[in-house]
Amino acid sequence: MSDKTRKVEIYEKRFGIIAIEKGFITPDELIDGLKVQVREDIEKGTHRLIGTILFDQDIMTDIQINEVLEVLLGSNVSSQ
């Protein structure tokens, strides 16, 4: 597994956890979105970020996604 793949996986897990903690999505919605992601990875050979999938499914808004990303970027900056 490449470093880039590992970073994406960490981002994916953290994005979902933060979105749940903020009350934007439920655990079941995250699981369903991850199933879509894996299915697309296998069947189409494409990888969409979980935030994009949840947005396309009208589960999260762009404002909510940006709020989660702000938390992620803030924690990445402070942990370096």
PDB file of N, CA and C in Angstrom:
ATOM      1  N   MET A   1       0.846  -1.179   0.000  1.00  0.00           N
ATOM      2  CA  MET A   1       0.000   0.000   0.000  1.00  0.00           C
ATOM      3  C   MET A   1       0.890   1.240   0.000  1.00  0.00           C
ATOM      4  N   SER A   2       0.600   2.172  -0.873  1.00  0.00           N
ATOM      5  CA  SER A   2       1.426   3.376  -0.986  1.00  0.00           C
ATOM      6  C   SER A   2       1.122   4.363   0.140  1.00  0.00           C
ATOM      7  N   ASP A   3       2.035   5.300   0.338  1.00  0.00           N
ATOM      8  CA  ASP A   3       1.823   6.340   1.348  1.00  0.00           C
ATOM      9  C   ASP A   3       0.591   7.165   1.023  1.00  0.00           C
ATOM     10  N   LYS A   4       0.389   7.456  -0.268  1.00  0.00           N
ATOM     11  CA  LYS A   4      -0.780   8.249  -0.679  1.00  0.00           C
ATOM     12  C   LYS A   4      -2.073   7.518  -0.321  1.00  0.00           C
ATOM     13  N   THR A   5      -2.126   6.212  -0.563  1.00  0.00           N
ATOM     14  CA  THR A   5      -3.314   5.424  -0.238  1.00  0.00           C
ATOM     15  C   THR A   5      -3.564   5.439   1.255  1.00  0.00           C
ATOM     16  N   ARG A   6      -2.515   5.292   2.047  1.00  0.00           N
ATOM     17  CA  ARG A   6      -2.661   5.329   3.506  1.00  0.00           C
ATOM     18  C   ARG A   6      -3.209   6.668   3.974  1.00  0.00           C
ATOM     19  N   LYS A   7      -2.707   7.760   3.400  1.00  0.00           N
ATOM     20  CA  LYS A   7      -3.173   9.091   3.787  1.00  0.00           C
ATOM     21  C   LYS A   7      -4.640   9.265   3.443  1.00  0.00           C
ATOM     22  N   VAL A   8      -5.063   8.771   2.291  1.00  0.00           N
ATOM     23  CA  VAL A   8      -6.471   8.866   1.903  1.00  0.00           C
ATOM     24  C   VAL A   8      -7.323   8.054   2.856  1.00  0.00           C
ATOM     25  N   GLU A   9      -6.875   6.847   3.230  1.00  0.00           N
ATOM     26  CA  GLU A   9      -7.646   6.020   4.145  1.00  0.00           C
ATOM     27  C   GLU A   9      -7.786   6.691   5.506  1.00  0.00           C
ATOM     28  N   ILE A  10      -6.726   7.292   6.004  1.00  0.00           N
ATOM     29  CA  ILE A  10      -6.797   7.997   7.280  1.00  0.00           C
ATOM     30  C   ILE A  10      -7.768   9.158   7.171  1.00  0.00           C
ATOM     31  N   TYR A  11      -7.685   9.915   6.082  1.00  0.00           N
ATOM     32  CA  TYR A  11      -8.593  11.032   5.851  1.00  0.00           C
ATOM     33  C   TYR A  11     -10.023  10.540   5.818  1.00  0.00           C
ATOM     34  N   GLU A  12     -10.286   9.454   5.094  1.00  0.00           N
ATOM     35  CA  GLU A  12     -11.639   8.933   4.955  1.00  0.00           C
ATOM     36  C   GLU A  12     -12.210   8.574   6.324  1.00  0.00           C
ATOM     37  N   LYS A  13     -11.449   7.850   7.110  1.00  0.00           N
ATOM     38  CA  LYS A  13     -11.929   7.428   8.418  1.00  0.00           C
ATOM     39  C   LYS A  13     -12.183   8.642   9.299  1.00  0.00           C
ATOM     40  N   ARG A  14     -11.273   9.559   9.300  1.00  0.00           N
ATOM     41  CA  ARG A  14     -11.422  10.731  10.162  1.00  0.00           C
ATOM     42  C   ARG A  14     -12.566  11.605   9.687  1.00  0.00           C
ATOM     43  N   PHE A  15     -12.715  11.775   8.369  1.00  0.00           N
ATOM     44  CA  PHE A  15     -13.803  12.589   7.840  1.00  0.00           C
ATOM     45  C   PHE A  15     -15.136  12.039   8.344  1.00  0.00           C
ATOM     46  N   GLY A  16     -15.325  10.738   8.203  1.00  0.00           N
ATOM     47  CA  GLY A  16     -16.578  10.121   8.625  1.00  0.00           C
ATOM     48  C   GLY A  16     -16.826  10.258  10.114  1.00  0.00           C
ATOM     49  N   ILE A  17     -15.804  10.051  10.901  1.00  0.00           N
ATOM     50  CA  ILE A  17     -15.946  10.154  12.359  1.00  0.00           C
ATOM     51  C   ILE A  17     -16.317  11.576  12.765  1.00  0.00           C
ATOM     52  N   ILE A  18     -15.646  12.549  12.185  1.00  0.00           N
ATOM     53  CA  ILE A  18     -15.953  13.948  12.510  1.00  0.00           C
ATOM     54  C   ILE A  18     -17.371  14.294  12.081  1.00  0.00           C
ATOM     55  N   ALA A  19     -17.776  13.848  10.892  1.00  0.00           N
ATOM     56  CA  ALA A  19     -19.128  14.128  10.405  1.00  0.00           C
ATOM     57  C   ALA A  19     -20.181  13.531  11.339  1.00  0.00           C
ATOM     58  N   ILE A  20     -19.918  12.343  11.860  1.00  0.00           N
ATOM     59  CA  ILE A  20     -20.839  11.722  12.819  1.00  0.00           C
ATOM     60  C   ILE A  20     -20.844  12.507  14.124  1.00  0.00           C
ATOM     61  N   GLU A  21     -19.662  12.837  14.637  1.00  0.00           N
ATOM     62  CA  GLU A  21     -19.567  13.577  15.899  1.00  0.00           C
ATOM     63  C   GLU A  21     -20.288  14.916  15.826  1.00  0.00           C
ATOM     64  N   LYS A  22     -20.266  15.552  14.661  1.00  0.00           N
ATOM     65  CA  LYS A  22     -20.929  16.841  14.491  1.00  0.00           C
ATOM     66  C   LYS A  22     -22.427  16.686  14.251  1.00  0.00           C
ATOM     67  N   GLY A  23     -22.893  15.457  14.105  1.00  0.00           N
ATOM     68  CA  GLY A  23     -24.313  15.214  13.897  1.00  0.00           C
ATOM     69  C   GLY A  23     -24.774  15.427  12.462  1.00  0.00           C
ATOM     70  N   PHE A  24     -23.819  15.491  11.534  1.00  0.00           N
ATOM     71  CA  PHE A  24     -24.162  15.706  10.126  1.00  0.00           C
ATOM     72  C   PHE A  24     -24.673  14.429   9.466  1.00  0.00           C
ATOM     73  N   ILE A  25     -24.154  13.284   9.904  1.00  0.00           N
ATOM     74  CA  ILE A  25     -24.555  11.996   9.350  1.00  0.00           C
ATOM     75  C   ILE A  25     -24.678  10.984  10.480  1.00  0.00           C
ATOM     76  N   THR A  26     -25.329   9.875  10.176  1.00  0.00           N
ATOM     77  CA  THR A  26     -25.422   8.768  11.129  1.00  0.00           C
ATOM     78  C   THR A  26     -24.367   7.722  10.766  1.00  0.00           C
ATOM     79  N   PRO A  27     -24.066   6.833  11.699  1.00  0.00           N
ATOM     80  CA  PRO A  27     -23.136   5.749  11.357  1.00  0.00           C
ATOM     81  C   PRO A  27     -23.619   4.928  10.155  1.00  0.00           C
ATOM     82  N   ASP A  28     -24.922   4.686  10.076  1.00  0.00           N
ATOM     83  CA  ASP A  28     -25.455   3.919   8.944  1.00  0.00           C
ATOM     84  C   ASP A  28     -25.252   4.652   7.624  1.00  0.00           C
ATOM     85  N   GLU A  29     -25.400   5.967   7.622  1.00  0.00           N
ATOM     86  CA  GLU A  29     -25.176   6.740   6.396  1.00  0.00           C
ATOM     87  C   GLU A  29     -23.710   6.667   5.971  1.00  0.00           C
ATOM     88  N   LEU A  30     -22.810   6.704   6.944  1.00  0.00           N
ATOM     89  CA  LEU A  30     -21.386   6.573   6.629  1.00  0.00           C
ATOM     90  C   LEU A  30     -21.092   5.198   6.035  1.00  0.00           C
ATOM     91  N   ILE A  31     -21.624   4.167   6.657  1.00  0.00           N
ATOM     92  CA  ILE A  31     -21.403   2.805   6.161  1.00  0.00           C
ATOM     93  C   ILE A  31     -21.935   2.659   4.741  1.00  0.00           C
ATOM     94  N   ASP A  32     -23.134   3.180   4.493  1.00  0.00           N
ATOM     95  CA  ASP A  32     -23.703   3.105   3.144  1.00  0.00           C
ATOM     96  C   ASP A  32     -22.822   3.845   2.137  1.00  0.00           C
ATOM     97  N   GLY A  33     -22.324   5.008   2.521  1.00  0.00           N
ATOM     98  CA  GLY A  33     -21.441   5.772   1.641  1.00  0.00           C
ATOM     99  C   GLY A  33     -20.138   5.041   1.363  1.00  0.00           C
ATOM    100  N   LEU A  34     -19.595   4.397   2.393  1.00  0.00           N
ATOM    101  CA  LEU A  34     -18.355   3.638   2.212  1.00  0.00           C
ATOM    102  C   LEU A  34     -18.575   2.421   1.313  1.00  0.00           C
ATOM    103  N   LYS A  35     -19.766   1.823   1.407  1.00  0.00           N
ATOM    104  CA  LYS A  35     -20.086   0.705   0.512  1.00  0.00           C
ATOM    105  C   LYS A  35     -20.099   1.172  -0.939  1.00  0.00           C
ATOM    106  N   VAL A  36     -20.694   2.334  -1.178  1.00  0.00           N
ATOM    107  CA  VAL A  36     -20.707   2.902  -2.529  1.00  0.00           C
ATOM    108  C   VAL A  36     -19.271   3.128  -2.995  1.00  0.00           C
ATOM    109  N   GLN A  37     -18.459   3.674  -2.105  1.00  0.00           N
ATOM    110  CA  GLN A  37     -17.069   3.977  -2.448  1.00  0.00           C
ATOM    111  C   GLN A  37     -16.310   2.710  -2.849  1.00  0.00           C
ATOM    112  N   VAL A  38     -16.445   1.668  -2.060  1.00  0.00           N
ATOM    113  CA  VAL A  38     -15.742   0.415  -2.341  1.00  0.00           C
ATOM    114  C   VAL A  38     -16.260  -0.205  -3.640  1.00  0.00           C
ATOM    115  N   ARG A  39     -17.582  -0.196  -3.819  1.00  0.00           N
ATOM    116  CA  ARG A  39     -18.167  -0.757  -5.038  1.00  0.00           C
ATOM    117  C   ARG A  39     -17.615  -0.047  -6.278  1.00  0.00           C
ATOM    118  N   GLU A  40     -17.558   1.287  -6.218  1.00  0.00           N
ATOM    119  CA  GLU A  40     -17.026   2.053  -7.350  1.00  0.00           C
ATOM    120  C   GLU A  40     -15.539   1.766  -7.565  1.00  0.00           C
ATOM    121  N   ASP A  41     -14.800   1.641  -6.463  1.00  0.00           N
ATOM    122  CA  ASP A  41     -13.372   1.310  -6.567  1.00  0.00           C
ATOM    123  C   ASP A  41     -13.189   0.003  -7.337  1.00  0.00           C
ATOM    124  N   ILE A  42     -13.993  -0.996  -6.992  1.00  0.00           N
ATOM    125  CA  ILE A  42     -13.854  -2.324  -7.592  1.00  0.00           C
ATOM    126  C   ILE A  42     -14.403  -2.357  -9.015  1.00  0.00           C
ATOM    127  N   GLU A  43     -15.616  -1.847  -9.191  1.00  0.00           N
ATOM    128  CA  GLU A  43     -16.293  -1.985 -10.481  1.00  0.00           C
ATOM    129  C   GLU A  43     -15.808  -0.999 -11.537  1.00  0.00           C
ATOM    130  N   LYS A  44     -15.514   0.223 -11.118  1.00  0.00           N
ATOM    131  CA  LYS A  44     -15.160   1.259 -12.086  1.00  0.00           C
ATOM    132  C   LYS A  44     -13.681   1.624 -12.064  1.00  0.00           C
ATOM    133  N   GLY A  45     -12.999   1.218 -11.012  1.00  0.00           N
ATOM    134  CA  GLY A  45     -11.597   1.582 -10.886  1.00  0.00           C
ATOM    135  C   GLY A  45     -11.391   3.052 -10.564  1.00  0.00           C
ATOM    136  N   THR A  46     -12.440   3.692 -10.052  1.00  0.00           N
ATOM    137  CA  THR A  46     -12.343   5.105  -9.678  1.00  0.00           C
ATOM    138  C   THR A  46     -12.509   5.233  -8.172  1.00  0.00           C
ATOM    139  N   HIS A  47     -11.958   6.293  -7.633  1.00  0.00           N
ATOM    140  CA  HIS A  47     -12.070   6.518  -6.193  1.00  0.00           C
ATOM    141  C   HIS A  47     -12.606   7.920  -5.941  1.00  0.00           C
ATOM    142  N   ARG A  48     -13.791   7.974  -5.317  1.00  0.00           N
ATOM    143  CA  ARG A  48     -14.351   9.267  -4.913  1.00  0.00           C
ATOM    144  C   ARG A  48     -14.226   9.387  -3.397  1.00  0.00           C
ATOM    145  N   LEU A  49     -13.924  10.571  -2.947  1.00  0.00           N
ATOM    146  CA  LEU A  49     -13.842  10.812  -1.506  1.00  0.00           C
ATOM    147  C   LEU A  49     -15.226  10.674  -0.890  1.00  0.00           C
ATOM    148  N   ILE A  50     -15.250  10.250   0.361  1.00  0.00           N
ATOM    149  CA  ILE A  50     -16.522  10.001   1.033  1.00  0.00           C
ATOM    150  C   ILE A  50     -17.368  11.273   1.120  1.00  0.00           C
ATOM    151  N   GLY A  51     -16.748  12.413   1.286  1.00  0.00           N
ATOM    152  CA  GLY A  51     -17.501  13.668   1.321  1.00  0.00           C
ATOM    153  C   GLY A  51     -18.226  13.926   0.013  1.00  0.00           C
ATOM    154  N   THR A  52     -17.587  13.604  -1.090  1.00  0.00           N
ATOM    155  CA  THR A  52     -18.214  13.770  -2.404  1.00  0.00           C
ATOM    156  C   THR A  52     -19.401  12.834  -2.556  1.00  0.00           C
ATOM    157  N   ILE A  53     -19.245  11.618  -2.116  1.00  0.00           N
ATOM    158  CA  ILE A  53     -20.337  10.644  -2.202  1.00  0.00           C
ATOM    159  C   ILE A  53     -21.516  11.103  -1.353  1.00  0.00           C
ATOM    160  N   LEU A  54     -21.255  11.522  -0.125  1.00  0.00           N
ATOM    161  CA  LEU A  54     -22.338  11.958   0.762  1.00  0.00           C
ATOM    162  C   LEU A  54     -23.016  13.214   0.231  1.00  0.00           C
ATOM    163  N   PHE A  55     -22.262  14.083  -0.410  1.00  0.00           N
ATOM    164  CA  PHE A  55     -22.836  15.275  -1.036  1.00  0.00           C
ATOM    165  C   PHE A  55     -23.729  14.877  -2.211  1.00  0.00           C
ATOM    166  N   ASP A  56     -23.232  13.992  -3.057  1.00  0.00           N
ATOM    167  CA  ASP A  56     -23.996  13.552  -4.228  1.00  0.00           C
ATOM    168  C   ASP A  56     -25.274  12.819  -3.840  1.00  0.00           C
ATOM    169  N   GLN A  57     -25.285  12.216  -2.660  1.00  0.00           N
ATOM    170  CA  GLN A  57     -26.475  11.518  -2.169  1.00  0.00           C
ATOM    171  C   GLN A  57     -27.401  12.452  -1.386  1.00  0.00           C
ATOM    172  N   ASP A  58     -27.072  13.738  -1.360  1.00  0.00           N
ATOM    173  CA  ASP A  58     -27.850  14.742  -0.611  1.00  0.00           C
ATOM    174  C   ASP A  58     -27.926  14.436   0.881  1.00  0.00           C
ATOM    175  N   ILE A  59     -26.867  13.841   1.407  1.00  0.00           N
ATOM    176  CA  ILE A  59     -26.798  13.550   2.836  1.00  0.00           C
ATOM    177  C   ILE A  59     -26.075  14.676   3.565  1.00  0.00           C
ATOM    178  N   MET A  60     -25.045  15.237   2.930  1.00  0.00           N
ATOM    179  CA  MET A  60     -24.307  16.362   3.509  1.00  0.00           C
ATOM    180  C   MET A  60     -24.336  17.536   2.545  1.00  0.00           C
ATOM    181  N   THR A  61     -24.303  18.733   3.122  1.00  0.00           N
ATOM    182  CA  THR A  61     -24.234  19.947   2.310  1.00  0.00           C
ATOM    183  C   THR A  61     -22.770  20.344   2.129  1.00  0.00           C
ATOM    184  N   ASP A  62     -22.540  21.238   1.188  1.00  0.00           N
ATOM    185  CA  ASP A  62     -21.169  21.717   0.993  1.00  0.00           C
ATOM    186  C   ASP A  62     -20.677  22.469   2.220  1.00  0.00           C
ATOM    187  N   ILE A  63     -21.567  23.139   2.914  1.00  0.00           N
ATOM    188  CA  ILE A  63     -21.184  23.859   4.137  1.00  0.00           C
ATOM    189  C   ILE A  63     -20.736  22.867   5.213  1.00  0.00           C
ATOM    190  N   GLN A  64     -21.479  21.773   5.370  1.00  0.00           N
ATOM    191  CA  GLN A  64     -21.105  20.754   6.353  1.00  0.00           C
ATOM    192  C   GLN A  64     -19.767  20.108   5.989  1.00  0.00           C
ATOM    193  N   ILE A  65     -19.580  19.821   4.718  1.00  0.00           N
ATOM    194  CA  ILE A  65     -18.320  19.225   4.272  1.00  0.00           C
ATOM    195  C   ILE A  65     -17.161  20.165   4.567  1.00  0.00           C
ATOM    196  N   ASN A  66     -17.340  21.437   4.268  1.00  0.00           N
ATOM    197  CA  ASN A  66     -16.284  22.416   4.554  1.00  0.00           C
ATOM    198  C   ASN A  66     -15.990  22.501   6.044  1.00  0.00           C
ATOM    199  N   GLU A  67     -17.023  22.394   6.866  1.00  0.00           N
ATOM    200  CA  GLU A  67     -16.818  22.447   8.319  1.00  0.00           C
ATOM    201  C   GLU A  67     -15.983  21.246   8.786  1.00  0.00           C
ATOM    202  N   VAL A  68     -16.273  20.075   8.250  1.00  0.00           N
ATOM    203  CA  VAL A  68     -15.484  18.889   8.596  1.00  0.00           C
ATOM    204  C   VAL A  68     -14.045  19.056   8.114  1.00  0.00           C
ATOM    205  N   LEU A  69     -13.876  19.569   6.897  1.00  0.00           N
ATOM    206  CA  LEU A  69     -12.528  19.774   6.362  1.00  0.00           C
ATOM    207  C   LEU A  69     -11.742  20.786   7.187  1.00  0.00           C
ATOM    208  N   GLU A  70     -12.413  21.808   7.688  1.00  0.00           N
ATOM    209  CA  GLU A  70     -11.733  22.781   8.552  1.00  0.00           C
ATOM    210  C   GLU A  70     -11.202  22.102   9.802  1.00  0.00           C
ATOM    211  N   VAL A  71     -11.987  21.198  10.373  1.00  0.00           N
ATOM    212  CA  VAL A  71     -11.535  20.458  11.553  1.00  0.00           C
ATOM    213  C   VAL A  71     -10.333  19.586  11.181  1.00  0.00           C
ATOM    214  N   LEU A  72     -10.431  18.889  10.049  1.00  0.00           N
ATOM    215  CA  LEU A  72      -9.325  18.035   9.606  1.00  0.00           C
ATOM    216  C   LEU A  72      -8.059  18.834   9.361  1.00  0.00           C
ATOM    217  N   LEU A  73      -8.175  19.927   8.642  1.00  0.00           N
ATOM    218  CA  LEU A  73      -7.000  20.741   8.328  1.00  0.00           C
ATOM    219  C   LEU A  73      -6.421  21.376   9.578  1.00  0.00           C
ATOM    220  N   GLY A  74      -7.273  21.795  10.478  1.00  0.00           N
ATOM    221  CA  GLY A  74      -6.809  22.380  11.733  1.00  0.00           C
ATOM    222  C   GLY A  74      -6.052  21.370  12.565  1.00  0.00           C
ATOM    223  N   SER A  75      -6.571  20.125  12.621  1.00  0.00           N
ATOM    224  CA  SER A  75      -5.891  19.105  13.415  1.00  0.00           C
ATOM    225  C   SER A  75      -4.609  18.653  12.729  1.00  0.00           C
ATOM    226  N   ASN A  76      -4.583  18.654  11.392  1.00  0.00           N
ATOM    227  CA  ASN A  76      -3.354  18.288  10.684  1.00  0.00           C
ATOM    228  C   ASN A  76      -2.271  19.330  10.909  1.00  0.00           C
ATOM    229  N   VAL A  77      -2.652  20.593  10.902  1.00  0.00           N
ATOM    230  CA  VAL A  77      -1.684  21.671  11.104  1.00  0.00           C
ATOM    231  C   VAL A  77      -1.128  21.613  12.516  1.00  0.00           C
ATOM    232  N   SER A  78      -2.002  21.407  13.504  1.00  0.00           N
ATOM    233  CA  SER A  78      -1.550  21.423  14.890  1.00  0.00           C
ATOM    234  C   SER A  78      -0.758  20.172  15.257  1.00  0.00           C
ATOM    235  N   SER A  79      -0.941  19.068  14.496  1.00  0.00           N
ATOM    236  CA  SER A  79      -0.218  17.844  14.840  1.00  0.00           C
ATOM    237  C   SER A  79       1.150  17.759  14.172  1.00  0.00           C
ATOM    238  N   GLN A  80       1.482  18.709  13.308  1.00  0.00           N
ATOM    239  CA  GLN A  80       2.772  18.658  12.619  1.00  0.00           C
ATOM    240  C   GLN A  80       3.844  19.355  13.414  1.00  0.00           C
TER     241      GLN A  80
END
